[in-house]
Amino acid sequence: MELIRGLHNMRPRHRGCVVTIGAFDGVHLGHQAVIRHLLDKSAELALPSTIIVFEPLPREYFSPIKAPARIMSFREKFMAMRELGVDRLLRVRFDERLRGMSAQQFVDDIFVAGLGVRYVVLGDDFRFGNDREGDLEFIRQLGPRYGYEARPTPTLSINGERVSSTRIREALEQGDFAEAARMLGRPYSISGKVVYGRQLGQTLGTPTANLELRRLRAPLCGVYAVEVSGAGLEGALGVANVGVRPTVDDSIKANLEVHLLDREIGLYGQHIEVTFRHKLRDEKKFGSVDELRENIAKDIENTRAWFAGH
């Protein structure tokens, strides 16, 4: 899949495509239905499929602290879309210029002049433009003038409830990984590059792999029984802590640390995937490092017990 890094990198060869646009946070089953619609039309018209996403997400731009936690990083989103067979991903920087762009200008400059779209797929709740005028009906009305067709992908529901990124975040926050997996179409995981940490785990006798989250907050917080893959670790079990490490740190930035059971670490610079299976407890500030060490030992024991029974 080709990544087009910004509007300034659009080229004449990118013109003539079928397109959709959205946040696609999580690339859940509802998003996958939109993408299948896109790919079906791409095959029918023999034109490349293109997805437009904003970075940062608009809500992150307007209010970084209050914006919802991302379900996945941009890299994870790229990998998920590539696996589904999308041809191109256009990453558009959301900045003051884009913030002030009307829906009409967006269609003129990006859909028509930039991409020469022939077919547009939209979820039924997506809106864009500084006036919030850019919805499916707006785009559809402009179709005859610009020579494209626009069609919706209906909302996907499971057990009568709409599949949404918001519901997935709620399930993750509650530690309901079965519900999150039902909406995602796969178990929830976080992947990233292993980076150097403070070496505290080594000091405590429980060395950890520290993942680069590339987000201010994670959509879950606590201690978890996990499976780890990548870097030759397929089938590895571990204990993960997601949070701000209140006993030893006063940072507000989320961290992900994984202690592998019965495995050596030595993973610096490599990418691994951490799949969350069960929540053991909430993150807690302990009175001392010794108390923290005791609770880590309990977490390891509880993780072994949980995996033994599942």
Protein backbone atom coordinates (compact mmCIF):
# COMPACT_ATOMS: atom_id res chain seq x y z
CA MET A 1 0.00 0.00 0.00
CA GLU A 2 1.29 3.44 -0.92
CA LEU A 3 1.38 6.12 1.77
CA ILE A 4 0.91 9.65 0.42
CA ARG A 5 2.37 11.93 3.08
CA GLY A 6 0.34 15.12 2.71
CA LEU A 7 -1.55 17.03 0.03
CA HIS A 8 1.70 18.44 -1.36
CA ASN A 9 2.77 14.92 -2.35
CA MET A 10 -0.26 14.21 -4.54
CA ARG A 11 0.82 13.60 -8.13
CA PRO A 12 -1.00 13.36 -11.48
CA ARG A 13 -0.73 9.55 -11.27
CA HIS A 14 -2.91 9.66 -8.13
CA ARG A 15 -5.85 11.04 -10.12
CA GLY A 16 -8.69 8.69 -10.95
CA CYS A 17 -9.66 6.62 -7.91
CA VAL A 18 -12.42 5.50 -5.58
CA VAL A 19 -12.16 7.16 -2.18
CA THR A 20 -13.41 7.18 1.38
CA ILE A 21 -12.56 9.46 4.27
CA GLY A 22 -12.73 9.13 8.04
CA ALA A 23 -10.89 8.63 11.31
CA PHE A 24 -10.91 4.82 11.11
CA ASP A 25 -9.68 4.56 14.71
CA GLY A 26 -9.51 0.86 15.45
CA VAL A 27 -10.37 -0.24 11.89
CA HIS A 28 -13.29 -2.08 13.50
CA LEU A 29 -15.98 -4.14 11.74
CA GLY A 30 -17.94 -1.02 10.79
CA HIS A 31 -14.83 0.48 9.19
CA GLN A 32 -14.11 -2.83 7.50
CA ALA A 33 -17.58 -2.77 5.92
CA VAL A 34 -16.79 0.67 4.46
CA ILE A 35 -13.43 -0.59 3.19
CA ARG A 36 -15.01 -3.70 1.61
CA HIS A 37 -17.47 -1.42 -0.20
CA LEU A 38 -14.52 0.68 -1.36
CA LEU A 39 -12.55 -2.35 -2.56
CA ASP A 40 -15.55 -3.86 -4.37
CA LYS A 41 -16.08 -0.62 -6.29
CA SER A 42 -12.34 -0.34 -6.93
CA ALA A 43 -12.37 -3.77 -8.57
CA GLU A 44 -15.54 -3.01 -10.53
CA LEU A 45 -14.19 0.26 -11.96
CA ALA A 46 -10.57 -0.95 -12.23
CA LEU A 47 -9.43 2.10 -10.26
CA PRO A 48 -7.15 2.35 -7.20
CA SER A 49 -8.75 2.47 -3.76
CA THR A 50 -7.78 5.48 -1.64
CA ILE A 51 -8.50 6.25 2.02
CA ILE A 52 -8.08 9.78 3.40
CA VAL A 53 -7.27 10.21 7.10
CA PHE A 54 -6.33 13.25 9.15
CA GLU A 55 -3.25 13.52 11.39
CA PRO A 56 -3.66 14.60 14.07
CA LEU A 57 -7.30 13.66 14.43
CA PRO A 58 -9.44 16.83 14.51
CA ARG A 59 -10.45 16.34 18.15
CA GLU A 60 -6.78 15.96 19.08
CA TYR A 61 -5.99 19.20 17.28
CA PHE A 62 -8.71 21.19 19.05
CA SER A 63 -8.22 19.69 22.52
CA PRO A 64 -5.23 17.32 22.91
CA ILE A 65 -5.85 16.59 26.60
CA LYS A 66 -9.61 16.02 26.33
CA ALA A 67 -9.59 14.11 23.04
CA PRO A 68 -10.53 10.41 23.27
CA ALA A 69 -7.61 8.02 23.66
CA ARG A 70 -6.62 6.41 20.38
CA ILE A 71 -7.48 2.76 19.96
CA MET A 72 -4.54 2.38 17.59
CA SER A 73 -1.52 4.36 16.45
CA PHE A 74 -1.17 5.63 12.90
CA ARG A 75 1.31 2.85 12.14
CA GLU A 76 -1.15 0.21 13.34
CA LYS A 77 -3.89 1.81 11.23
CA PHE A 78 -1.62 1.73 8.18
CA MET A 79 -0.79 -1.94 8.74
CA ALA A 80 -4.47 -2.90 9.21
CA MET A 81 -5.51 -1.14 6.00
CA ARG A 82 -2.64 -2.68 4.07
CA GLU A 83 -3.67 -6.12 5.26
CA LEU A 84 -7.21 -5.49 3.99
CA GLY A 85 -5.85 -4.70 0.51
CA VAL A 86 -6.22 -0.92 0.25
CA ASP A 87 -4.08 0.60 -2.52
CA ARG A 88 -3.35 4.07 -1.13
CA LEU A 89 -3.56 5.93 2.15
CA LEU A 90 -3.53 9.74 1.97
CA ARG A 91 -2.47 11.24 5.29
CA VAL A 92 -3.64 14.86 5.44
CA ARG A 93 -2.19 17.11 8.13
CA PHE A 94 -4.99 18.70 10.14
CA ASP A 95 -3.82 22.28 10.75
CA GLU A 96 -5.14 25.84 10.65
CA ARG A 97 -5.41 25.76 6.86
CA LEU A 98 -7.49 22.61 6.85
CA ARG A 99 -9.49 23.78 9.85
CA GLY A 100 -10.61 26.84 7.88
CA MET A 101 -11.41 24.93 4.69
CA SER A 102 -15.08 24.73 3.76
CA ALA A 103 -16.63 21.47 2.62
CA GLN A 104 -16.98 22.93 -0.90
CA GLN A 105 -13.30 23.85 -1.02
CA PHE A 106 -12.33 20.41 0.29
CA VAL A 107 -14.25 18.74 -2.52
CA ASP A 108 -12.85 21.16 -5.12
CA ASP A 109 -9.21 20.99 -4.03
CA ILE A 110 -8.83 17.42 -2.80
CA PHE A 111 -11.55 15.23 -4.28
CA VAL A 112 -11.65 16.85 -7.72
CA ALA A 113 -8.42 18.72 -8.48
CA GLY A 114 -6.15 16.49 -6.41
CA LEU A 115 -7.55 12.98 -6.72
CA GLY A 116 -10.00 13.13 -9.61
CA VAL A 117 -12.39 10.88 -7.70
CA ARG A 118 -14.84 8.71 -9.60
CA TYR A 119 -16.65 7.14 -6.66
CA VAL A 120 -17.00 8.15 -2.99
CA VAL A 121 -17.89 5.83 -0.12
CA LEU A 122 -18.91 7.37 3.21
CA GLY A 123 -20.12 6.13 6.54
CA ASP A 124 -23.55 7.55 7.32
CA ASP A 125 -22.32 9.71 10.23
CA PHE A 126 -19.18 11.34 8.80
CA ARG A 127 -19.00 15.14 8.40
CA PHE A 128 -16.20 17.47 7.34
CA GLY A 129 -15.50 21.13 6.53
CA ASN A 130 -15.33 24.15 8.83
CA ASP A 131 -19.08 24.56 8.45
CA ARG A 132 -19.77 20.84 9.10
CA GLU A 133 -21.67 20.88 5.82
CA GLY A 134 -19.70 18.03 4.29
CA ASP A 135 -21.85 14.95 4.66
CA LEU A 136 -23.00 12.25 2.28
CA GLU A 137 -25.90 14.28 0.87
CA PHE A 138 -23.65 17.29 0.23
CA ILE A 139 -21.11 15.16 -1.64
CA ARG A 140 -23.82 13.32 -3.54
CA GLN A 141 -25.40 16.55 -4.80
CA LEU A 142 -22.06 17.66 -6.26
CA GLY A 143 -21.53 14.35 -8.03
CA PRO A 144 -23.18 15.17 -11.38
CA ARG A 145 -21.19 18.42 -11.65
CA TYR A 146 -17.84 16.74 -11.04
CA GLY A 147 -18.44 13.35 -12.63
CA TYR A 148 -18.41 11.07 -9.59
CA GLU A 149 -20.94 8.94 -7.74
CA ALA A 150 -21.34 8.84 -3.95
CA ARG A 151 -22.92 6.06 -1.90
CA PRO A 152 -23.21 5.29 1.83
CA THR A 153 -22.19 2.23 3.76
CA PRO A 154 -24.94 1.62 6.34
CA THR A 155 -24.09 1.52 10.03
CA LEU A 156 -23.08 -1.93 11.23
CA SER A 157 -24.82 -3.21 14.38
CA ILE A 158 -24.14 -6.24 16.56
CA ASN A 159 -26.96 -7.47 18.80
CA GLY A 160 -28.89 -4.30 17.99
CA GLU A 161 -26.09 -1.94 19.01
CA ARG A 162 -24.05 0.21 16.66
CA VAL A 163 -20.38 -0.74 16.29
CA SER A 164 -18.32 2.35 17.07
CA SER A 165 -14.90 3.42 18.28
CA THR A 166 -16.58 4.95 21.34
CA ARG A 167 -18.11 1.62 22.37
CA ILE A 168 -14.78 -0.13 21.86
CA ARG A 169 -13.03 2.40 24.10
CA GLU A 170 -15.68 1.81 26.77
CA ALA A 171 -15.19 -1.97 26.55
CA LEU A 172 -11.41 -1.62 26.82
CA GLU A 173 -11.70 0.72 29.80
CA GLN A 174 -13.90 -1.86 31.54
CA GLY A 175 -11.52 -4.71 30.69
CA ASP A 176 -14.19 -6.40 28.55
CA PHE A 177 -11.88 -7.79 25.89
CA ALA A 178 -14.48 -10.22 24.54
CA GLU A 179 -16.84 -7.33 23.71
CA ALA A 180 -14.00 -5.28 22.20
CA ALA A 181 -12.97 -8.25 20.05
CA ARG A 182 -16.55 -8.72 18.82
CA MET A 183 -16.58 -5.16 17.48
CA LEU A 184 -12.99 -5.12 16.23
CA GLY A 185 -13.22 -8.50 14.54
CA ARG A 186 -9.98 -9.51 16.30
CA PRO A 187 -8.48 -9.48 19.81
CA TYR A 188 -7.31 -6.07 20.95
CA SER A 189 -3.57 -5.50 20.78
CA ILE A 190 -0.99 -2.73 20.87
CA SER A 191 2.15 -2.97 18.78
CA GLY A 192 5.25 -0.84 18.83
CA LYS A 193 9.00 -0.62 18.98
CA VAL A 194 10.80 -1.68 22.14
CA VAL A 195 12.73 1.27 23.56
CA TYR A 196 15.03 1.85 26.52
CA GLY A 197 13.23 2.59 29.77
CA ARG A 198 14.45 3.49 33.24
CA GLN A 199 15.65 -0.10 33.89
CA LEU A 200 13.47 -0.22 37.02
CA GLY A 201 12.14 -3.66 36.13
CA GLN A 202 15.69 -4.97 36.00
CA THR A 203 16.30 -3.53 39.47
CA LEU A 204 13.12 -5.17 40.79
CA GLY A 205 14.09 -8.54 39.31
CA THR A 206 11.33 -8.43 36.67
CA PRO A 207 12.88 -6.99 33.49
CA THR A 208 10.39 -5.45 31.06
CA ALA A 209 10.12 -4.58 27.40
CA ASN A 210 9.01 -0.95 27.13
CA LEU A 211 6.91 -0.09 24.09
CA GLU A 212 6.84 3.26 22.37
CA LEU A 213 3.13 4.12 22.42
CA ARG A 214 3.27 7.27 20.24
CA ARG A 215 0.16 8.66 21.93
CA LEU A 216 -0.48 10.76 25.01
CA ARG A 217 -2.96 8.31 26.48
CA ALA A 218 -3.83 4.67 26.00
CA PRO A 219 -7.47 3.49 25.84
CA LEU A 220 -6.91 1.19 28.82
CA CYS A 221 -5.09 1.41 32.14
CA GLY A 222 -4.06 -1.29 34.59
CA VAL A 223 -2.24 -4.60 34.80
CA TYR A 224 -3.06 -7.35 32.30
CA ALA A 225 -2.34 -10.93 31.32
CA VAL A 226 -1.09 -10.72 27.74
CA GLU A 227 0.29 -12.69 24.82
CA VAL A 228 3.30 -11.32 22.95
CA SER A 229 4.27 -11.94 19.33
CA GLY A 230 6.84 -10.63 16.88
CA ALA A 231 10.64 -10.72 17.14
CA GLY A 232 10.50 -14.50 17.45
CA LEU A 233 8.15 -14.41 20.45
CA GLU A 234 5.08 -16.14 19.02
CA GLY A 235 3.15 -17.74 21.87
CA ALA A 236 4.99 -15.89 24.64
CA LEU A 237 2.99 -15.03 27.75
CA GLY A 238 3.48 -11.99 29.90
CA VAL A 239 2.25 -9.40 32.39
CA ALA A 240 1.71 -5.89 31.05
CA ASN A 241 1.31 -2.61 32.87
CA VAL A 242 -0.36 0.23 30.99
CA GLY A 243 -0.39 3.57 32.75
CA VAL A 244 1.76 6.28 34.26
CA ARG A 245 3.67 4.19 36.87
CA PRO A 246 2.47 6.27 39.87
CA THR A 247 4.74 4.56 42.40
CA VAL A 248 7.96 5.54 40.62
CA ASP A 249 7.05 8.36 38.22
CA ASP A 250 5.03 11.58 38.13
CA SER A 251 4.63 11.75 34.35
CA ILE A 252 1.18 12.03 32.76
CA LYS A 253 2.27 10.21 29.59
CA ALA A 254 1.09 6.61 29.26
CA ASN A 255 3.62 3.78 29.17
CA LEU A 256 3.34 0.12 28.21
CA GLU A 257 5.73 -2.27 29.94
CA VAL A 258 5.68 -6.04 29.46
CA HIS A 259 7.37 -8.67 31.60
CA LEU A 260 7.70 -11.91 29.66
CA LEU A 261 7.18 -15.15 31.55
CA ASP A 262 10.09 -17.58 31.24
CA ARG A 263 11.70 -15.63 28.41
CA GLU A 264 14.74 -13.43 28.06
CA ILE A 265 14.12 -9.81 26.99
CA GLY A 266 16.84 -8.42 24.67
CA LEU A 267 14.32 -6.82 22.28
CA TYR A 268 15.54 -3.24 21.96
CA GLY A 269 14.73 -1.70 18.60
CA GLN A 270 12.41 -4.52 17.52
CA HIS A 271 8.65 -4.35 16.96
CA ILE A 272 6.40 -6.57 19.03
CA GLU A 273 2.64 -6.97 19.41
CA VAL A 274 0.98 -7.23 22.82
CA THR A 275 -2.47 -8.87 22.81
CA PHE A 276 -4.59 -8.20 25.89
CA ARG A 277 -6.41 -11.23 27.29
CA HIS A 278 -7.47 -10.46 30.87
CA LYS A 279 -7.41 -7.55 33.29
CA LEU A 280 -5.75 -8.44 36.60
CA ARG A 281 -6.21 -5.17 38.47
CA ASP A 282 -6.23 -1.39 38.21
CA GLU A 283 -3.00 0.55 38.31
CA LYS A 284 -2.21 1.53 41.89
CA LYS A 285 0.29 3.72 43.71
CA PHE A 286 2.10 1.68 46.35
CA GLY A 287 3.71 3.01 49.50
CA SER A 288 7.17 1.69 48.70
CA VAL A 289 9.23 -0.05 46.05
CA ASP A 290 9.19 -3.21 48.20
CA GLU A 291 5.38 -3.20 48.19
CA LEU A 292 5.47 -2.72 44.41
CA ARG A 293 7.83 -5.71 44.10
CA GLU A 294 5.48 -7.89 46.16
CA ASN A 295 2.49 -6.97 44.02
CA ILE A 296 4.38 -7.63 40.79
CA ALA A 297 5.08 -11.14 42.10
CA LYS A 298 1.35 -11.57 42.77
CA ASP A 299 0.55 -10.30 39.26
CA ILE A 300 2.90 -12.89 37.75
CA GLU A 301 1.33 -15.64 39.86
CA ASN A 302 -2.19 -14.57 38.87
CA THR A 303 -1.21 -14.40 35.21
CA ARG A 304 0.11 -17.95 35.27
CA ALA A 305 -3.08 -19.11 36.98
CA TRP A 306 -5.32 -17.34 34.46
CA PHE A 307 -3.55 -18.78 31.43
CA ALA A 308 -3.55 -22.25 33.02
CA GLY A 309 -7.35 -22.08 33.13
CA HIS A 310 -7.93 -20.64 29.65
